C-alpha atoms as a PDB file:
ATOM      1  CA  MET A   1     104.689 131.871  83.387  1.00  0.00           C
ATOM      2  CA  SER A   2     102.328 132.196  86.276  1.00  0.00           C
ATOM      3  CA  GLU A   3     102.007 128.483  86.955  1.00  0.00           C
ATOM      4  CA  LYS A   4     104.392 125.556  86.739  1.00  0.00           C
ATOM      5  CA  SER A   5     103.599 122.689  84.394  1.00  0.00           C
ATOM      6  CA  LYS A   6     102.998 119.222  85.818  1.00  0.00           C
ATOM      7  CA  PHE A   7     105.066 117.804  82.949  1.00  0.00           C
ATOM      8  CA  SER A   8     108.546 118.839  84.072  1.00  0.00           C
ATOM      9  CA  GLY A   9     111.060 116.289  82.873  1.00  0.00           C
ATOM     10  CA  CYS A  10     108.959 115.340  79.832  1.00  0.00           C
ATOM     11  CA  PRO A  11     110.849 116.587  76.762  1.00  0.00           C
ATOM     12  CA  ALA A  12     109.292 114.062  74.339  1.00  0.00           C
ATOM     13  CA  THR A  13     106.698 111.317  74.006  1.00  0.00           C
ATOM     14  CA  GLY A  14     104.603 109.449  71.459  1.00  0.00           C
ATOM     15  CA  ILE A  15     100.871 109.722  70.820  1.00  0.00           C
ATOM     16  CA  GLY A  16      99.812 106.115  71.454  1.00  0.00           C
ATOM     17  CA  SER A  17      99.678 103.696  68.537  1.00  0.00           C
ATOM     18  CA  MET A  18     102.626 101.652  67.284  1.00  0.00           C
ATOM     19  CA  PRO A  19     103.065  99.361  64.252  1.00  0.00           C
ATOM     20  CA  GLY A  20     102.862  95.572  64.302  1.00  0.00           C
ATOM     21  CA  GLY A  21     101.287  93.211  66.790  1.00  0.00           C
ATOM     22  CA  ASP A  22     104.064  92.292  69.214  1.00  0.00           C
ATOM     23  CA  ALA A  23     103.293  93.828  72.628  1.00  0.00           C
ATOM     24  CA  ARG A  24     106.758  93.112  74.065  1.00  0.00           C
ATOM     25  CA  GLU A  25     108.526  94.643  71.069  1.00  0.00           C
ATOM     26  CA  ALA A  26     106.342  97.774  71.264  1.00  0.00           C
ATOM     27  CA  ALA A  27     106.942  98.172  75.011  1.00  0.00           C
ATOM     28  CA  LYS A  28     110.674  97.660  74.507  1.00  0.00           C
ATOM     29  CA  THR A  29     110.774 100.309  71.763  1.00  0.00           C
ATOM     30  CA  VAL A  30     108.751 102.866  73.734  1.00  0.00           C
ATOM     31  CA  THR A  31     110.715 102.480  76.965  1.00  0.00           C
ATOM     32  CA  GLY A  32     114.056 102.226  75.189  1.00  0.00           C
ATOM     33  CA  SER A  33     113.403 105.435  73.253  1.00  0.00           C
ATOM     34  CA  LEU A  34     111.831 107.544  75.997  1.00  0.00           C
ATOM     35  CA  ALA A  35     112.902 106.371  79.477  1.00  0.00           C
ATOM     36  CA  ASP A  36     115.929 107.634  81.434  1.00  0.00           C
ATOM     37  CA  GLY A  37     115.185 111.330  81.057  1.00  0.00           C
ATOM     38  CA  ARG A  38     114.544 111.326  77.299  1.00  0.00           C
ATOM     39  CA  GLY A  39     110.785 111.592  77.643  1.00  0.00           C
ATOM     40  CA  MET A  40     107.562 109.950  78.807  1.00  0.00           C
ATOM     41  CA  PRO A  41     107.041 106.239  78.025  1.00  0.00           C
ATOM     42  CA  TYR A  42     103.472 105.158  77.319  1.00  0.00           C
ATOM     43  CA  LEU A  43     101.187 102.151  77.006  1.00  0.00           C
ATOM     44  CA  ALA A  44     101.350 101.349  73.295  1.00  0.00           C
ATOM     45  CA  GLU A  45      98.270 100.533  71.227  1.00  0.00           C
ATOM     46  CA  LEU A  46      98.678  98.001  68.391  1.00  0.00           C
ATOM     47  CA  PRO A  47      95.668  98.356  66.049  1.00  0.00           C
ATOM     48  CA  ALA A  48      97.210  96.050  63.419  1.00  0.00           C
ATOM     49  CA  ARG A  49      96.042  93.112  65.559  1.00  0.00           C
ATOM     50  CA  GLY A  50      92.466  93.855  64.488  1.00  0.00           C
ATOM     51  CA  PRO A  51      89.147  94.874  66.077  1.00  0.00           C
ATOM     52  CA  GLY A  52      89.537  95.309  69.812  1.00  0.00           C
ATOM     53  CA  ALA A  53      93.114  96.572  69.459  1.00  0.00           C
ATOM     54  CA  ASP A  54      91.981  99.718  67.611  1.00  0.00           C
ATOM     55  CA  MET A  55      91.560 102.880  69.701  1.00  0.00           C
ATOM     56  CA  ILE A  56      87.765 102.647  69.764  1.00  0.00           C
ATOM     57  CA  GLY A  57      87.825  98.943  70.652  1.00  0.00           C
ATOM     58  CA  ARG A  58      90.336  99.450  73.429  1.00  0.00           C
ATOM     59  CA  SER A  59      88.149 102.108  75.012  1.00  0.00           C
ATOM     60  CA  VAL A  60      85.032  99.952  74.605  1.00  0.00           C
ATOM     61  CA  GLY A  61      86.903  97.324  76.613  1.00  0.00           C
ATOM     62  CA  LEU A  62      87.342  99.842  79.434  1.00  0.00           C
ATOM     63  CA  LEU A  63      83.634 100.638  79.780  1.00  0.00           C
ATOM     64  CA  VAL A  64      81.770  99.520  82.906  1.00  0.00           C
ATOM     65  CA  GLU A  65      78.354  97.851  82.494  1.00  0.00           C
ATOM     66  CA  MET A  66      78.345  98.848  78.826  1.00  0.00           C
ATOM     67  CA  TYR A  67      79.563  96.587  76.036  1.00  0.00           C
ATOM     68  CA  GLY A  68      80.229  96.623  72.330  1.00  0.00           C
ATOM     69  CA  HIS A  69      80.565  94.353  69.322  1.00  0.00           C
ATOM     70  CA  VAL A  70      81.844  94.834  65.792  1.00  0.00           C
ATOM     71  CA  GLU A  71      79.448  95.321  62.876  1.00  0.00           C
ATOM     72  CA  PRO A  72      80.514  95.919  59.248  1.00  0.00           C
ATOM     73  CA  SER A  73      79.928  99.630  59.905  1.00  0.00           C
ATOM     74  CA  GLY A  74      82.001  99.737  63.110  1.00  0.00           C
ATOM     75  CA  TRP A  75      81.513  99.269  66.857  1.00  0.00           C
ATOM     76  CA  ARG A  76      77.947  98.981  68.170  1.00  0.00           C
ATOM     77  CA  ILE A  77      76.574  98.876  71.726  1.00  0.00           C
ATOM     78  CA  SER A  78      75.632  95.412  73.046  1.00  0.00           C
ATOM     79  CA  ASP A  79      73.545  94.094  75.930  1.00  0.00           C
ATOM     80  CA  ARG A  80      76.294  91.797  77.203  1.00  0.00           C
ATOM     81  CA  PRO A  81      80.034  91.264  76.761  1.00  0.00           C
ATOM     82  CA  GLY A  82      80.741  89.189  73.671  1.00  0.00           C
ATOM     83  CA  ARG A  83      83.820  87.977  71.844  1.00  0.00           C
ATOM     84  CA  ASP A  84      84.880  91.441  70.664  1.00  0.00           C
ATOM     85  CA  THR A  85      84.741  93.017  74.137  1.00  0.00           C
ATOM     86  CA  ARG A  86      86.590  90.055  75.668  1.00  0.00           C
ATOM     87  CA  ARG A  87      89.273  90.278  72.980  1.00  0.00           C
ATOM     88  CA  ALA A  88      89.742  94.007  73.616  1.00  0.00           C
ATOM     89  CA  ARG A  89      90.213  93.377  77.334  1.00  0.00           C
ATOM     90  CA  SER A  90      92.599  90.491  76.689  1.00  0.00           C
ATOM     91  CA  TRP A  91      94.832  92.590  74.450  1.00  0.00           C
ATOM     92  CA  LEU A  92      94.870  95.406  76.982  1.00  0.00           C
ATOM     93  CA  GLY A  93      96.043  92.918  79.619  1.00  0.00           C
ATOM     94  CA  GLU A  94      98.762  91.669  77.274  1.00  0.00           C
ATOM     95  CA  ASP A  95      99.970  95.220  76.621  1.00  0.00           C
ATOM     96  CA  LEU A  96     100.004  96.029  80.341  1.00  0.00           C
ATOM     97  CA  ASP A  97     102.003  92.870  81.098  1.00  0.00           C
ATOM     98  CA  ALA A  98     104.600  93.875  78.491  1.00  0.00           C
ATOM     99  CA  LEU A  99     104.882  97.453  79.741  1.00  0.00           C
ATOM    100  CA  GLU A 100     105.161  96.245  83.337  1.00  0.00           C
ATOM    101  CA  GLU A 101     108.057  93.991  82.313  1.00  0.00           C
ATOM    102  CA  PHE A 102     110.013  96.858  80.745  1.00  0.00           C
ATOM    103  CA  THR A 103     109.315  99.447  83.470  1.00  0.00           C
ATOM    104  CA  GLN A 104     110.592  97.543  86.491  1.00  0.00           C
ATOM    105  CA  GLY A 105     111.963 100.156  88.889  1.00  0.00           C
ATOM    106  CA  TYR A 106     110.924 103.026  86.611  1.00  0.00           C
ATOM    107  CA  GLU A 107     110.230 106.324  88.335  1.00  0.00           C
ATOM    108  CA  GLY A 108     108.840 109.132  86.253  1.00  0.00           C
ATOM    109  CA  LEU A 109     105.886 110.075  84.085  1.00  0.00           C
ATOM    110  CA  LEU A 110     104.072 107.208  82.345  1.00  0.00           C
ATOM    111  CA  LYS A 111     101.178 107.810  79.933  1.00  0.00           C
ATOM    112  CA  VAL A 112      98.059 105.776  79.152  1.00  0.00           C
ATOM    113  CA  GLN A 113      95.574 106.706  76.433  1.00  0.00           C
ATOM    114  CA  ALA A 114      91.832 106.286  75.970  1.00  0.00           C
ATOM    115  CA  VAL A 115      89.361 107.707  73.488  1.00  0.00           C
ATOM    116  CA  GLY A 116      87.535 110.673  75.003  1.00  0.00           C
ATOM    117  CA  PRO A 117      83.750 110.696  75.516  1.00  0.00           C
ATOM    118  CA  TRP A 118      82.859 112.788  72.456  1.00  0.00           C
ATOM    119  CA  THR A 119      84.943 110.931  69.876  1.00  0.00           C
ATOM    120  CA  LEU A 120      83.637 107.701  71.407  1.00  0.00           C
ATOM    121  CA  ALA A 121      80.032 108.964  71.152  1.00  0.00           C
ATOM    122  CA  ALA A 122      80.620 109.892  67.502  1.00  0.00           C
ATOM    123  CA  ALA A 123      82.105 106.463  66.689  1.00  0.00           C
ATOM    124  CA  LEU A 124      79.926 104.073  68.705  1.00  0.00           C
ATOM    125  CA  GLU A 125      76.584 103.058  67.233  1.00  0.00           C
ATOM    126  CA  LEU A 126      73.312 102.599  69.060  1.00  0.00           C
ATOM    127  CA  ARG A 127      71.346  99.423  68.342  1.00  0.00           C
ATOM    128  CA  GLY A 128      69.529 101.126  65.464  1.00  0.00           C
ATOM    129  CA  GLY A 129      72.767 102.070  63.733  1.00  0.00           C
ATOM    130  CA  GLU A 130      72.893 105.796  64.502  1.00  0.00           C
ATOM    131  CA  ALA A 131      75.778 107.221  66.507  1.00  0.00           C
ATOM    132  CA  MET A 132      75.397 107.565  70.273  1.00  0.00           C
ATOM    133  CA  LEU A 133      75.966 111.262  69.611  1.00  0.00           C
ATOM    134  CA  ALA A 134      72.323 111.467  68.503  1.00  0.00           C
ATOM    135  CA  ASP A 135      71.062 110.651  72.015  1.00  0.00           C
ATOM    136  CA  ALA A 136      71.961 113.059  74.858  1.00  0.00           C
ATOM    137  CA  GLY A 137      71.039 110.495  77.523  1.00  0.00           C
ATOM    138  CA  ALA A 138      73.197 107.835  75.869  1.00  0.00           C
ATOM    139  CA  CYS A 139      76.108 110.296  75.798  1.00  0.00           C
ATOM    140  CA  ARG A 140      75.740 110.910  79.538  1.00  0.00           C
ATOM    141  CA  ASP A 141      75.642 107.173  80.264  1.00  0.00           C
ATOM    142  CA  LEU A 142      78.667 106.587  78.032  1.00  0.00           C
ATOM    143  CA  ALA A 143      80.722 109.303  79.750  1.00  0.00           C
ATOM    144  CA  GLY A 144      79.840 107.921  83.194  1.00  0.00           C
ATOM    145  CA  SER A 145      80.761 104.375  82.158  1.00  0.00           C
ATOM    146  CA  LEU A 146      84.053 105.567  80.628  1.00  0.00           C
ATOM    147  CA  ALA A 147      85.003 107.579  83.734  1.00  0.00           C
ATOM    148  CA  GLU A 148      84.340 104.603  85.999  1.00  0.00           C
ATOM    149  CA  GLY A 149      86.335 102.301  83.728  1.00  0.00           C
ATOM    150  CA  LEU A 150      89.237 104.745  83.595  1.00  0.00           C
ATOM    151  CA  ARG A 151      89.394 104.964  87.388  1.00  0.00           C
ATOM    152  CA  ALA A 152      89.761 101.179  87.586  1.00  0.00           C
ATOM    153  CA  HIS A 153      92.279 101.112  84.704  1.00  0.00           C
ATOM    154  CA  LEU A 154      94.466 103.823  86.250  1.00  0.00           C
ATOM    155  CA  ALA A 155      94.378 102.066  89.618  1.00  0.00           C
ATOM    156  CA  ASP A 156      95.600  98.875  87.905  1.00  0.00           C
ATOM    157  CA  VAL A 157      98.425 100.721  86.136  1.00  0.00           C
ATOM    158  CA  ARG A 158      99.508 102.382  89.397  1.00  0.00           C
ATOM    159  CA  ARG A 159      99.485  99.019  91.174  1.00  0.00           C
ATOM    160  CA  ARG A 160     101.594  97.402  88.448  1.00  0.00           C
ATOM    161  CA  MET A 161     104.073 100.304  88.176  1.00  0.00           C
ATOM    162  CA  PRO A 162     104.147 101.832  91.659  1.00  0.00           C
ATOM    163  CA  GLY A 163     107.117 104.114  90.996  1.00  0.00           C
ATOM    164  CA  ALA A 164     105.509 105.829  88.022  1.00  0.00           C
ATOM    165  CA  SER A 165     103.424 109.007  87.965  1.00  0.00           C
ATOM    166  CA  VAL A 166     100.585 107.987  85.658  1.00  0.00           C
ATOM    167  CA  VAL A 167      99.288 110.500  83.103  1.00  0.00           C
ATOM    168  CA  LEU A 168      95.871 110.121  81.440  1.00  0.00           C
ATOM    169  CA  GLN A 169      95.557 111.138  77.790  1.00  0.00           C
ATOM    170  CA  LEU A 170      92.127 111.410  76.181  1.00  0.00           C
ATOM    171  CA  ASP A 171      92.130 111.134  72.391  1.00  0.00           C
ATOM    172  CA  GLU A 172      89.497 113.463  70.909  1.00  0.00           C
ATOM    173  CA  PRO A 173      90.073 113.727  67.133  1.00  0.00           C
ATOM    174  CA  SER A 174      86.309 114.171  66.523  1.00  0.00           C
ATOM    175  CA  LEU A 175      85.852 116.881  69.163  1.00  0.00           C
ATOM    176  CA  THR A 176      85.886 119.845  66.773  1.00  0.00           C
ATOM    177  CA  ALA A 177      83.421 118.084  64.452  1.00  0.00           C
ATOM    178  CA  VAL A 178      81.116 117.441  67.430  1.00  0.00           C
ATOM    179  CA  LEU A 179      81.244 121.116  68.432  1.00  0.00           C
ATOM    180  CA  LEU A 180      80.600 122.360  64.897  1.00  0.00           C
ATOM    181  CA  GLY A 181      77.933 119.849  63.884  1.00  0.00           C
ATOM    182  CA  ARG A 182      80.114 118.137  61.270  1.00  0.00           C
ATOM    183  CA  VAL A 183      79.727 114.489  62.342  1.00  0.00           C
ATOM    184  CA  ARG A 184      77.886 112.629  59.575  1.00  0.00           C
ATOM    185  CA  SER A 185      74.933 110.346  60.232  1.00  0.00           C
ATOM    186  CA  ALA A 186      74.909 106.657  59.343  1.00  0.00           C
ATOM    187  CA  SER A 187      73.367 107.420  55.944  1.00  0.00           C
ATOM    188  CA  GLY A 188      75.949 110.099  55.235  1.00  0.00           C
ATOM    189  CA  TYR A 189      73.222 112.453  53.964  1.00  0.00           C
ATOM    190  CA  ARG A 190      73.021 114.617  57.071  1.00  0.00           C
ATOM    191  CA  THR A 191      75.042 115.635  60.093  1.00  0.00           C
ATOM    192  CA  TYR A 192      74.243 115.428  63.778  1.00  0.00           C
ATOM    193  CA  ARG A 193      73.337 118.617  65.580  1.00  0.00           C
ATOM    194  CA  ALA A 194      76.256 120.462  67.203  1.00  0.00           C
ATOM    195  CA  VAL A 195      76.565 119.763  70.937  1.00  0.00           C
ATOM    196  CA  ASP A 196      76.459 122.752  73.270  1.00  0.00           C
ATOM    197  CA  ARG A 197      79.987 123.810  74.266  1.00  0.00           C
ATOM    198  CA  GLN A 198      79.112 123.904  77.965  1.00  0.00           C
ATOM    199  CA  ILE A 199      77.881 120.311  77.850  1.00  0.00           C
ATOM    200  CA  VAL A 200      81.012 119.247  75.966  1.00  0.00           C
ATOM    201  CA  GLU A 201      83.228 121.009  78.493  1.00  0.00           C
ATOM    202  CA  ALA A 202      81.410 119.645  81.558  1.00  0.00           C
ATOM    203  CA  THR A 203      81.501 116.091  80.208  1.00  0.00           C
ATOM    204  CA  LEU A 204      85.213 116.304  79.473  1.00  0.00           C
ATOM    205  CA  ARG A 205      85.804 117.692  82.952  1.00  0.00           C
ATOM    206  CA  ASP A 206      83.991 114.742  84.532  1.00  0.00           C
ATOM    207  CA  VAL A 207      85.966 112.171  82.535  1.00  0.00           C
ATOM    208  CA  LEU A 208      89.328 113.880  83.096  1.00  0.00           C
ATOM    209  CA  ALA A 209      88.537 113.848  86.824  1.00  0.00           C
ATOM    210  CA  ALA A 210      88.908 110.045  86.679  1.00  0.00           C
ATOM    211  CA  ALA A 211      92.657 110.688  86.950  1.00  0.00           C
ATOM    212  CA  GLY A 212      92.113 111.756  90.573  1.00  0.00           C
ATOM    213  CA  GLU A 213      92.558 115.020  92.423  1.00  0.00           C
ATOM    214  CA  ASP A 214      96.335 114.964  91.992  1.00  0.00           C
ATOM    215  CA  GLY A 215      96.296 113.253  88.611  1.00  0.00           C
ATOM    216  CA  THR A 216      97.863 114.668  85.471  1.00  0.00           C
ATOM    217  CA  THR A 217      95.899 114.820  82.219  1.00  0.00           C
ATOM    218  CA  LEU A 218      96.120 115.870  78.606  1.00  0.00           C
ATOM    219  CA  VAL A 219      93.846 115.815  75.587  1.00  0.00           C
ATOM    220  CA  HIS A 220      95.111 114.931  72.111  1.00  0.00           C
ATOM    221  CA  SER A 221      93.641 115.777  68.725  1.00  0.00           C
ATOM    222  CA  CYS A 222      95.376 115.478  65.364  1.00  0.00           C
ATOM    223  CA  ALA A 223      92.474 117.302  63.658  1.00  0.00           C
ATOM    224  CA  PRO A 224      92.445 121.005  62.693  1.00  0.00           C
ATOM    225  CA  GLU A 225      90.952 123.709  64.937  1.00  0.00           C
ATOM    226  CA  VAL A 226      91.666 122.139  68.322  1.00  0.00           C
ATOM    227  CA  PRO A 227      89.578 124.051  70.938  1.00  0.00           C
ATOM    228  CA  VAL A 228      92.523 124.776  73.238  1.00  0.00           C
ATOM    229  CA  ALA A 229      90.694 127.223  75.546  1.00  0.00           C
ATOM    230  CA  LEU A 230      87.787 124.797  76.086  1.00  0.00           C
ATOM    231  CA  LEU A 231      90.181 121.961  76.935  1.00  0.00           C
ATOM    232  CA  ARG A 232      91.969 124.142  79.463  1.00  0.00           C
ATOM    233  CA  ARG A 233      88.671 125.094  81.127  1.00  0.00           C
ATOM    234  CA  ALA A 234      87.750 121.397  81.263  1.00  0.00           C
ATOM    235  CA  GLY A 235      90.847 120.797  83.373  1.00  0.00           C
ATOM    236  CA  ALA A 236      93.403 119.377  80.930  1.00  0.00           C
ATOM    237  CA  ASP A 237      96.959 119.988  82.123  1.00  0.00           C
ATOM    238  CA  GLY A 238      98.263 119.551  78.591  1.00  0.00           C
ATOM    239  CA  VAL A 239      97.025 119.827  75.005  1.00  0.00           C
ATOM    240  CA  SER A 240      98.482 117.667  72.230  1.00  0.00           C
ATOM    241  CA  LEU A 241      98.120 118.655  68.567  1.00  0.00           C
ATOM    242  CA  ASP A 242      99.610 118.395  65.097  1.00  0.00           C
ATOM    243  CA  PHE A 243     101.824 121.476  64.824  1.00  0.00           C
ATOM    244  CA  SER A 244     101.477 121.623  61.023  1.00  0.00           C
ATOM    245  CA  LEU A 245      97.712 122.248  61.359  1.00  0.00           C
ATOM    246  CA  LEU A 246      98.024 125.333  63.585  1.00  0.00           C
ATOM    247  CA  THR A 247      96.782 128.584  62.062  1.00  0.00           C
ATOM    248  CA  GLU A 248      97.263 132.205  63.068  1.00  0.00           C
ATOM    249  CA  ARG A 249      93.660 132.225  64.299  1.00  0.00           C
ATOM    250  CA  GLU A 250      94.624 129.809  67.096  1.00  0.00           C
ATOM    251  CA  GLU A 251      97.810 131.525  68.187  1.00  0.00           C
ATOM    252  CA  GLU A 252      96.219 133.743  70.835  1.00  0.00           C
ATOM    253  CA  ALA A 253      94.750 130.682  72.584  1.00  0.00           C
ATOM    254  CA  ILE A 254      98.152 128.973  72.378  1.00  0.00           C
ATOM    255  CA  GLY A 255      99.868 131.964  73.982  1.00  0.00           C
ATOM    256  CA  GLU A 256      97.292 132.135  76.782  1.00  0.00           C
ATOM    257  CA  ALA A 257      97.689 128.401  77.393  1.00  0.00           C
ATOM    258  CA  VAL A 258     101.452 128.716  77.767  1.00  0.00           C
ATOM    259  CA  GLU A 259     101.130 131.702  80.092  1.00  0.00           C
ATOM    260  CA  GLY A 260      98.611 129.754  82.192  1.00  0.00           C
ATOM    261  CA  GLY A 261     100.929 126.768  82.650  1.00  0.00           C
ATOM    262  CA  THR A 262      99.316 124.392  80.145  1.00  0.00           C
ATOM    263  CA  GLN A 263     101.832 122.036  78.553  1.00  0.00           C
ATOM    264  CA  LEU A 264     101.877 121.969  74.746  1.00  0.00           C
ATOM    265  CA  PHE A 265     102.531 118.615  73.105  1.00  0.00           C
ATOM    266  CA  LEU A 266     103.535 119.631  69.601  1.00  0.00           C
ATOM    267  CA  GLY A 267     103.574 117.047  66.817  1.00  0.00           C
ATOM    268  CA  VAL A 268     106.458 118.112  64.602  1.00  0.00           C
ATOM    269  CA  VAL A 269     107.879 114.714  63.551  1.00  0.00           C
ATOM    270  CA  PRO A 270     106.155 112.939  60.607  1.00  0.00           C
ATOM    271  CA  SER A 271     104.162 109.948  61.857  1.00  0.00           C
ATOM    272  CA  THR A 272     104.668 107.810  58.747  1.00  0.00           C
ATOM    273  CA  ASP A 273     107.892 106.896  56.988  1.00  0.00           C
ATOM    274  CA  ALA A 274     109.452 110.185  55.931  1.00  0.00           C
ATOM    275  CA  ALA A 275     111.687 110.686  52.929  1.00  0.00           C
ATOM    276  CA  THR A 276     115.335 109.817  53.407  1.00  0.00           C
ATOM    277  CA  GLY A 277     117.031 112.571  55.329  1.00  0.00           C
ATOM    278  CA  ALA A 278     113.816 114.129  56.646  1.00  0.00           C
ATOM    279  CA  LEU A 279     114.836 113.245  60.200  1.00  0.00           C
ATOM    280  CA  SER A 280     118.516 114.076  59.846  1.00  0.00           C
ATOM    281  CA  ASP A 281     118.273 117.508  61.522  1.00  0.00           C
ATOM    282  CA  PRO A 282     116.672 117.588  65.005  1.00  0.00           C
ATOM    283  CA  GLY A 283     117.068 121.366  65.191  1.00  0.00           C
ATOM    284  CA  GLY A 284     115.290 121.825  61.883  1.00  0.00           C
ATOM    285  CA  SER A 285     112.309 119.839  63.131  1.00  0.00           C
ATOM    286  CA  VAL A 286     111.622 122.422  65.853  1.00  0.00           C
ATOM    287  CA  MET A 287     112.488 125.578  63.908  1.00  0.00           C
ATOM    288  CA  GLY A 288     108.798 126.389  63.502  1.00  0.00           C
ATOM    289  CA  VAL A 289     108.269 126.092  67.259  1.00  0.00           C
ATOM    290  CA  ARG A 290     110.995 128.665  67.909  1.00  0.00           C
ATOM    291  CA  THR A 291     109.416 130.942  65.284  1.00  0.00           C
ATOM    292  CA  LEU A 292     105.995 130.639  66.917  1.00  0.00           C
ATOM    293  CA  TRP A 293     107.489 131.528  70.311  1.00  0.00           C
ATOM    294  CA  ARG A 294     109.039 134.702  68.878  1.00  0.00           C
ATOM    295  CA  ARG A 295     105.807 135.670  67.144  1.00  0.00           C
ATOM    296  CA  LEU A 296     103.868 135.259  70.393  1.00  0.00           C
ATOM    297  CA  GLY A 297     106.445 137.323  72.298  1.00  0.00           C
ATOM    298  CA  LEU A 298     107.072 134.486  74.763  1.00  0.00           C
ATOM    299  CA  ASN A 299     110.289 134.060  76.702  1.00  0.00           C
ATOM    300  CA  PRO A 300     112.542 131.585  74.816  1.00  0.00           C
ATOM    301  CA  GLY A 301     113.763 130.341  78.177  1.00  0.00           C
ATOM    302  CA  THR A 302     110.342 128.806  78.822  1.00  0.00           C
ATOM    303  CA  LEU A 303     110.372 126.657  75.680  1.00  0.00           C
ATOM    304  CA  ALA A 304     111.900 123.523  77.189  1.00  0.00           C
ATOM    305  CA  GLU A 305     109.575 123.537  80.193  1.00  0.00           C
ATOM    306  CA  SER A 306     106.408 124.421  78.234  1.00  0.00           C
ATOM    307  CA  VAL A 307     106.722 122.147  75.183  1.00  0.00           C
ATOM    308  CA  THR A 308     106.876 118.389  74.729  1.00  0.00           C
ATOM    309  CA  ILE A 309     107.870 117.165  71.262  1.00  0.00           C
ATOM    310  CA  THR A 310     105.927 114.308  69.645  1.00  0.00           C
ATOM    311  CA  PRO A 311     105.252 112.725  66.267  1.00  0.00           C
ATOM    312  CA  SER A 312     102.363 114.426  64.462  1.00  0.00           C
ATOM    313  CA  CYS A 313      99.997 111.537  65.276  1.00  0.00           C
ATOM    314  CA  GLY A 314     100.098 107.840  66.158  1.00  0.00           C
ATOM    315  CA  LEU A 315     102.745 105.618  64.567  1.00  0.00           C
ATOM    316  CA  ALA A 316     100.540 102.669  63.576  1.00  0.00           C
ATOM    317  CA  GLY A 317     100.995 103.447  59.876  1.00  0.00           C
ATOM    318  CA  ALA A 318     104.793 103.531  60.085  1.00  0.00           C
ATOM    319  CA  SER A 319     107.288 100.710  59.667  1.00  0.00           C
ATOM    320  CA  PRO A 320     108.723  99.377  62.971  1.00  0.00           C
ATOM    321  CA  ALA A 321     112.149 100.806  62.080  1.00  0.00           C
ATOM    322  CA  TYR A 322     110.691 104.228  61.331  1.00  0.00           C
ATOM    323  CA  ALA A 323     108.617 104.214  64.539  1.00  0.00           C
ATOM    324  CA  ARG A 324     111.800 103.698  66.564  1.00  0.00           C
ATOM    325  CA  THR A 325     113.541 106.448  64.616  1.00  0.00           C
ATOM    326  CA  ALA A 326     110.621 108.879  65.024  1.00  0.00           C
ATOM    327  CA  LEU A 327     110.541 108.479  68.821  1.00  0.00           C
ATOM    328  CA  ALA A 328     114.325 108.830  69.101  1.00  0.00           C
ATOM    329  CA  HIS A 329     114.230 111.873  66.807  1.00  0.00           C
ATOM    330  CA  SER A 330     111.485 113.462  68.939  1.00  0.00           C
ATOM    331  CA  ALA A 331     113.758 113.154  71.971  1.00  0.00           C
ATOM    332  CA  ARG A 332     116.728 114.637  70.059  1.00  0.00           C
ATOM    333  CA  ALA A 333     114.604 117.502  68.713  1.00  0.00           C
ATOM    334  CA  ALA A 334     113.430 118.269  72.258  1.00  0.00           C
ATOM    335  CA  ARG A 335     117.060 118.358  73.415  1.00  0.00           C
ATOM    336  CA  SER A 336     117.856 120.776  70.561  1.00  0.00           C
ATOM    337  CA  LEU A 337     115.007 123.025  71.730  1.00  0.00           C
ATOM    338  CA  ALA A 338     116.345 123.014  75.279  1.00  0.00           C
ATOM    339  CA  ASP A 339     119.944 123.648  74.235  1.00  0.00           C
ATOM    340  CA  ASN A 340     119.147 126.329  71.634  1.00  0.00           C
ATOM    341  CA  PRO A 341     115.799 127.946  72.440  1.00  0.00           C
ATOM    342  CA  GLU A 342     116.520 130.943  70.217  1.00  0.00           C
END
């Protein structure tokens, strides 16, 4: 490898969401499963609490001088902060308080997540009901508001947990659909025009820059056809994806990413309750990763430093017991990869 990853000491982590509505229990599970060298703890999201705790609502709560409220069709832009925006901000504060409690004295990588500008533009509605994606000026304003909100959010996290090295993750599950013109309009009868790749890349670069000059960033998508090369050019230090969705067509970009020092966050652990015994073999969970490495002709010795093991997506749909098991299994599978790279 020509460059060293910023994620050294991060064998495993979770994507973001957790089951249930108890912030203290979620923070306890995440830190208990991933602290002390086992991986990277993170600020859990608890969408089961309702609108405002979902990933879109949480990110709406981060926006500066831009507000949202819930309609039957989803989140819509508002002129002023209402009940839904206030609730989103309140739940974020509750989650931060819980994480702060369980990370006293913690030194290491700590992850926070927000929805990226393009998935947010595809999900948020303008006042007329169409997605913000339909309006290039609205997309620019949204990205600027999100970047400003993220700077303030990251500063708050760093103040609360001064020993931690804070990592920013942008969730972009709709990114490929935005690039390929697959996002459906409000009526469902047409799709929005594909956004130019250079505009997508530049916007992502601006929002990722909210992490600061020395900040560490990654972009997550659990959709097929993740544009790995574009994300690298936009400045992401890591790319997180569902390993089961990788195709041979994407392998060249994966190999180039590894050679360039980009960290791969590979979702190999089922994110909902697996069949009994499915998580009994940590080594078996990462067998496909070893196979990919051989196929790409990469040095097996770089596996442990280049790959972070995760569940395939968020754990909101899992039972609390399974969520704990999935995070612990991710850490064990990562240890298996380090101990037996070949």
